Amino acid sequence: MSTASQPGSRSQEERELSEHFADEYKQAQTPVILDLERAVCGCDYGGTSWTTRAEAEQMGRLMELSGGRRLLEVGAGSGWPALYLAGQTGCDVTLADVPYEGLRIAADRAARDPVDGHISLAVADGALMPFKADLFDAVSHSDVLCCLPAKRGVLNECKRVLHHGGKMAFTVIAIAPGLSSADHARAVDSGPPFVEAECEYPELLETTGWKIVDRIDLSAAYAETGKRYIRELEARADEMSVLLGEKEFSELLVKRQTNVEAVEEGIVRRDMFVASLWGGESGL
């Protein structure tokens, strides 16, 4: 296992978000949260995305992962789903993220559950990564673009480091187009911190040099996952109230219920995109 670091300048808001995720990664390693994750997503890595085991396996198939292929996971956090995919396919994996806490947890998990492929860690901003061009055969990220402002920068960097012929697969939560001002505001309130994008994702991908290979609507599954999360939260209400505090637990329930309602009303959606480089060219 190898490590790399890359300093970068970030806004105060981005630094605060990074600290928030670092706290979440630590909290996600508590027994009650890991048990909740197993019940909801079928995994226990302490991840912060909504990617289920079935969706992770689908991403692995779509990226055609196998032994010897090199996967970069951007915003990898504690290693879900990249470490799982390494175990399933034998691919080499590089985990890149800013909060060191998440990568430390991922390193511990990789040590406990060794895989055939090589595992590398990089403390790196997704919009400014310390990798040479054309290095990876596949790139993935799970509900990352909706949690950061530099969406275009991340897509450009993913393009730069992806080998010609490779694929990028990612999930993302987004606001549905054509909403009224009131519905748009509700969608923003119910979504992740940076759910708003400058344009629709198909246009954003095209203007950053990506060709969409597939787009899979995960919205219905996302709503069901959200409902399952709420049921499992309520089943662990006492333990969660002790861990989070009663006020924070109540606010979490309201937030998740609001999100499920927004998805079911069609004002928030979740998609999986698979993309390749136009003409198979590198990002240089």
Protein backbone atom coordinates (compact mmCIF):
# COMPACT_ATOMS: atom_id res chain seq x y z
CA MET A 1 0.00 0.00 0.00
CA SER A 2 1.37 3.41 -0.92
CA THR A 3 0.40 6.96 -0.02
CA ALA A 4 0.68 10.40 -1.59
CA SER A 5 -0.38 13.88 -0.57
CA GLN A 6 -1.15 17.04 -2.45
CA PRO A 7 -1.81 20.37 -0.74
CA GLY A 8 -4.26 22.76 -2.29
CA SER A 9 -6.01 26.02 -1.50
CA ARG A 10 -9.68 25.68 -0.67
CA SER A 11 -12.38 28.11 0.38
CA GLN A 12 -13.49 28.39 3.98
CA GLU A 13 -16.75 26.67 3.05
CA GLU A 14 -14.87 23.76 1.47
CA ARG A 15 -12.58 23.44 4.49
CA GLU A 16 -15.57 23.36 6.81
CA LEU A 17 -17.23 20.71 4.65
CA SER A 18 -14.04 18.64 4.72
CA GLU A 19 -13.99 18.85 8.51
CA HIS A 20 -17.66 17.86 8.60
CA PHE A 21 -16.98 14.75 6.52
CA ALA A 22 -13.96 13.89 8.68
CA ASP A 23 -16.25 13.91 11.72
CA GLU A 24 -18.81 11.82 9.82
CA TYR A 25 -16.21 9.20 8.90
CA LYS A 26 -15.21 8.81 12.55
CA GLN A 27 -18.83 8.63 13.68
CA ALA A 28 -19.65 6.12 10.93
CA GLN A 29 -17.31 3.58 12.52
CA THR A 30 -19.49 3.22 15.61
CA PRO A 31 -21.29 -0.14 15.88
CA VAL A 32 -24.78 1.30 15.51
CA ILE A 33 -23.91 3.21 12.31
CA LEU A 34 -22.13 0.22 10.77
CA ASP A 35 -25.14 -1.94 11.62
CA LEU A 36 -27.41 0.67 10.02
CA GLU A 37 -25.25 0.73 6.89
CA ARG A 38 -25.41 -3.06 6.58
CA ALA A 39 -29.20 -2.96 6.83
CA VAL A 40 -29.60 -0.12 4.31
CA CYS A 41 -26.80 -0.52 1.74
CA GLY A 42 -25.50 -4.04 2.30
CA CYS A 43 -22.01 -2.92 3.35
CA ASP A 44 -20.17 -1.80 6.48
CA TYR A 45 -17.34 0.49 5.42
CA GLY A 46 -18.68 3.62 7.05
CA GLY A 47 -19.34 5.26 3.70
CA THR A 48 -21.15 8.55 3.18
CA SER A 49 -22.73 7.92 -0.23
CA TRP A 50 -26.04 6.21 -0.98
CA THR A 51 -24.43 3.54 -3.14
CA THR A 52 -25.82 0.10 -2.39
CA ARG A 53 -23.94 -3.15 -2.92
CA ALA A 54 -25.98 -3.87 -6.06
CA GLU A 55 -25.14 -0.43 -7.48
CA ALA A 56 -21.45 -0.88 -6.67
CA GLU A 57 -21.39 -4.20 -8.49
CA GLN A 58 -23.18 -2.61 -11.45
CA MET A 59 -20.55 0.15 -11.59
CA GLY A 60 -17.79 -2.46 -11.53
CA ARG A 61 -19.33 -4.30 -14.48
CA LEU A 62 -19.86 -1.11 -16.46
CA MET A 63 -16.23 -0.08 -15.95
CA GLU A 64 -15.13 -3.61 -16.95
CA LEU A 65 -12.90 -3.99 -13.89
CA SER A 66 -10.62 -6.99 -13.63
CA GLY A 67 -7.20 -7.97 -12.35
CA GLY A 68 -4.46 -5.61 -13.49
CA ARG A 69 -6.83 -2.73 -14.33
CA ARG A 70 -6.28 0.50 -12.43
CA LEU A 71 -9.25 2.19 -10.76
CA LEU A 72 -9.19 5.68 -9.28
CA GLU A 73 -11.93 6.44 -6.74
CA VAL A 74 -12.38 10.21 -6.29
CA GLY A 75 -13.84 11.30 -2.96
CA ALA A 76 -13.16 7.78 -1.72
CA GLY A 77 -13.60 8.49 1.98
CA SER A 78 -13.40 5.28 4.00
CA GLY A 79 -13.11 3.12 0.89
CA TRP A 80 -16.67 2.27 -0.14
CA PRO A 81 -17.21 1.05 -2.81
CA ALA A 82 -13.67 0.97 -4.27
CA LEU A 83 -12.18 -1.47 -1.74
CA TYR A 84 -15.16 -3.75 -2.22
CA LEU A 85 -14.68 -3.64 -5.99
CA ALA A 86 -10.99 -4.45 -5.55
CA GLY A 87 -11.98 -7.52 -3.60
CA GLN A 88 -14.58 -8.55 -6.16
CA THR A 89 -12.54 -7.97 -9.32
CA GLY A 90 -8.86 -8.01 -8.33
CA CYS A 91 -8.27 -4.55 -9.81
CA ASP A 92 -5.67 -2.10 -8.47
CA VAL A 93 -7.26 0.80 -6.61
CA THR A 94 -6.16 4.33 -5.77
CA LEU A 95 -8.30 6.11 -3.18
CA ALA A 96 -8.20 9.92 -3.34
CA ASP A 97 -9.88 12.32 -0.94
CA VAL A 98 -9.17 15.38 1.18
CA PRO A 99 -10.18 14.33 4.72
CA TYR A 100 -7.29 12.25 6.04
CA GLU A 101 -9.60 10.62 8.57
CA GLY A 102 -11.56 8.77 5.89
CA LEU A 103 -8.41 7.50 4.18
CA ARG A 104 -6.98 6.35 7.52
CA ILE A 105 -10.10 4.25 8.05
CA ALA A 106 -9.79 2.91 4.49
CA ALA A 107 -6.17 1.95 5.13
CA ASP A 108 -7.15 0.06 8.26
CA ARG A 109 -9.88 -1.76 6.34
CA ALA A 110 -7.49 -2.67 3.52
CA ALA A 111 -5.07 -4.08 6.10
CA ARG A 112 -7.82 -6.18 7.69
CA ASP A 113 -9.26 -7.38 4.38
CA PRO A 114 -6.29 -7.73 1.98
CA VAL A 115 -7.06 -8.04 -1.73
CA ASP A 116 -5.12 -9.31 -4.72
CA GLY A 117 -4.73 -5.87 -6.31
CA HIS A 118 -2.50 -3.02 -5.15
CA ILE A 119 -4.10 -0.34 -2.94
CA SER A 120 -2.80 3.25 -2.93
CA LEU A 121 -3.98 6.26 -0.94
CA ALA A 122 -3.71 9.94 -1.88
CA VAL A 123 -4.73 12.95 0.18
CA ALA A 124 -5.86 14.95 -2.83
CA ASP A 125 -8.49 17.42 -3.98
CA GLY A 126 -10.53 15.93 -6.82
CA ALA A 127 -10.12 19.12 -8.83
CA LEU A 128 -6.31 19.12 -8.52
CA MET A 129 -4.90 15.60 -8.34
CA PRO A 130 -1.22 14.62 -8.12
CA PHE A 131 -1.33 11.94 -10.81
CA LYS A 132 0.23 11.90 -14.24
CA ALA A 133 -2.01 11.91 -17.31
CA ASP A 134 -3.44 8.70 -18.78
CA LEU A 135 -2.64 6.75 -15.61
CA PHE A 136 -5.93 4.98 -14.85
CA ASP A 137 -8.11 2.53 -16.76
CA ALA A 138 -11.26 3.55 -14.87
CA VAL A 139 -12.44 6.39 -12.63
CA SER A 140 -15.40 6.37 -10.28
CA HIS A 141 -17.05 8.58 -7.69
CA SER A 142 -20.20 8.01 -5.65
CA ASP A 143 -22.45 11.00 -4.87
CA VAL A 144 -19.38 13.25 -4.81
CA LEU A 145 -20.17 15.96 -7.38
CA CYS A 146 -23.31 16.92 -5.46
CA CYS A 147 -21.18 17.50 -2.35
CA LEU A 148 -18.63 19.94 -3.78
CA PRO A 149 -18.67 23.16 -5.82
CA ALA A 150 -15.85 22.39 -8.28
CA LYS A 151 -17.81 19.95 -10.44
CA ARG A 152 -16.25 21.06 -13.71
CA GLY A 153 -12.77 20.96 -12.21
CA VAL A 154 -13.25 17.39 -11.00
CA LEU A 155 -14.56 16.23 -14.37
CA ASN A 156 -11.61 17.87 -16.12
CA GLU A 157 -9.14 16.18 -13.78
CA CYS A 158 -10.84 12.81 -14.19
CA LYS A 159 -10.52 13.28 -17.95
CA ARG A 160 -6.83 14.12 -17.65
CA VAL A 161 -5.87 11.05 -15.62
CA LEU A 162 -8.02 8.52 -17.50
CA HIS A 163 -6.30 6.32 -20.07
CA HIS A 164 -7.71 6.39 -23.60
CA GLY A 165 -10.39 3.72 -23.91
CA GLY A 166 -11.15 3.88 -20.20
CA LYS A 167 -14.49 4.68 -18.58
CA MET A 168 -15.74 6.86 -15.78
CA ALA A 169 -18.77 5.71 -13.77
CA PHE A 170 -20.41 7.78 -11.08
CA THR A 171 -23.62 8.40 -9.19
CA VAL A 172 -24.94 11.87 -8.47
CA ILE A 173 -27.95 13.51 -6.84
CA ALA A 174 -29.38 16.40 -8.84
CA ILE A 175 -32.25 18.86 -9.02
CA ALA A 176 -34.79 18.08 -11.74
CA PRO A 177 -35.00 20.65 -14.55
CA GLY A 178 -37.90 23.02 -15.19
CA LEU A 179 -39.01 23.52 -11.60
CA SER A 180 -40.84 26.49 -10.17
CA SER A 181 -38.88 28.75 -7.83
CA ALA A 182 -40.63 27.23 -4.82
CA ASP A 183 -39.96 23.63 -5.88
CA HIS A 184 -36.36 24.46 -6.75
CA ALA A 185 -35.85 25.89 -3.26
CA ARG A 186 -37.40 22.77 -1.72
CA ALA A 187 -35.13 20.56 -3.80
CA VAL A 188 -32.05 22.49 -2.68
CA ASP A 189 -33.08 22.28 0.97
CA SER A 190 -33.63 18.52 0.76
CA GLY A 191 -30.39 17.67 -1.06
CA PRO A 192 -26.64 17.48 -0.34
CA PRO A 193 -24.60 20.65 0.34
CA PHE A 194 -23.81 21.45 -3.33
CA VAL A 195 -26.69 19.73 -5.10
CA GLU A 196 -27.11 22.73 -7.44
CA ALA A 197 -25.12 22.57 -10.68
CA GLU A 198 -24.42 25.22 -13.29
CA CYS A 199 -26.25 23.13 -15.91
CA GLU A 200 -27.69 19.65 -16.38
CA TYR A 201 -25.16 16.84 -16.04
CA PRO A 202 -25.38 15.66 -19.67
CA GLU A 203 -24.40 19.17 -20.78
CA LEU A 204 -21.72 19.44 -18.10
CA LEU A 205 -20.20 16.14 -19.23
CA GLU A 206 -20.28 17.12 -22.90
CA THR A 207 -18.68 20.52 -22.32
CA THR A 208 -15.86 18.95 -20.29
CA GLY A 209 -15.00 16.48 -23.06
CA TRP A 210 -16.99 13.42 -22.03
CA LYS A 211 -19.22 11.21 -24.15
CA ILE A 212 -22.10 9.60 -22.25
CA VAL A 213 -22.11 5.83 -22.74
CA ASP A 214 -25.04 5.16 -20.42
CA ARG A 215 -27.36 6.99 -18.06
CA ILE A 216 -29.33 4.97 -15.52
CA ASP A 217 -32.13 6.55 -13.52
CA LEU A 218 -31.69 5.44 -9.90
CA SER A 219 -34.35 7.76 -8.48
CA ALA A 220 -36.91 5.09 -7.59
CA ALA A 221 -34.24 2.93 -5.97
CA TYR A 222 -32.89 5.99 -4.14
CA ALA A 223 -36.35 6.72 -2.70
CA GLU A 224 -36.66 3.11 -1.53
CA THR A 225 -33.20 3.25 0.02
CA GLY A 226 -34.24 6.46 1.78
CA LYS A 227 -37.39 4.84 3.15
CA ARG A 228 -35.38 1.85 4.35
CA TYR A 229 -32.91 4.22 6.00
CA ILE A 230 -35.75 5.95 7.87
CA ARG A 231 -37.21 2.63 9.05
CA GLU A 232 -33.81 1.44 10.25
CA LEU A 233 -33.14 4.77 11.96
CA GLU A 234 -36.43 4.57 13.83
CA ALA A 235 -35.68 0.98 14.84
CA ARG A 236 -32.45 2.26 16.45
CA ALA A 237 -33.92 5.46 17.84
CA ASP A 238 -32.59 5.03 21.38
CA GLU A 239 -29.03 4.26 20.31
CA MET A 240 -29.01 7.00 17.66
CA SER A 241 -30.36 9.58 20.10
CA VAL A 242 -27.53 8.78 22.49
CA LEU A 243 -24.94 8.96 19.70
CA LEU A 244 -26.20 12.11 17.97
CA GLY A 245 -28.28 13.81 20.65
CA GLU A 246 -32.07 13.90 20.59
CA LYS A 247 -32.30 17.20 18.69
CA GLU A 248 -29.81 16.13 16.02
CA PHE A 249 -31.50 12.75 15.64
CA SER A 250 -34.91 14.40 15.15
CA GLU A 251 -33.43 16.81 12.59
CA LEU A 252 -31.84 13.89 10.72
CA LEU A 253 -35.19 12.10 10.50
CA VAL A 254 -36.90 15.23 9.18
CA LYS A 255 -34.13 15.79 6.62
CA ARG A 256 -34.36 12.23 5.31
CA GLN A 257 -38.15 12.32 5.16
CA THR A 258 -38.03 15.62 3.28
CA ASN A 259 -35.52 14.13 0.83
CA VAL A 260 -37.65 11.04 0.15
CA GLU A 261 -40.68 13.23 -0.48
CA ALA A 262 -38.69 15.39 -2.90
CA VAL A 263 -37.49 12.34 -4.84
CA GLU A 264 -40.96 10.81 -5.00
CA GLU A 265 -42.36 14.12 -6.25
CA GLY A 266 -39.72 14.17 -8.99
CA ILE A 267 -38.01 17.40 -7.96
CA VAL A 268 -34.82 15.57 -6.92
CA ARG A 269 -33.31 12.66 -8.82
CA ARG A 270 -30.32 10.35 -8.64
CA ASP A 271 -28.52 8.97 -11.69
CA MET A 272 -25.64 6.73 -12.58
CA PHE A 273 -23.59 7.95 -15.53
CA VAL A 274 -21.04 6.01 -17.52
CA ALA A 275 -18.84 8.13 -19.77
CA SER A 276 -15.82 7.81 -22.00
CA LEU A 277 -13.55 10.39 -23.65
CA TRP A 278 -14.66 11.78 -26.99
CA GLY A 279 -12.88 9.82 -29.71
CA GLY A 280 -11.00 7.81 -27.07
CA GLU A 281 -8.48 10.64 -26.75
CA SER A 282 -6.70 11.48 -23.53
CA GLY A 283 -7.36 14.69 -21.62
CA LEU A 284 -4.11 16.36 -22.61
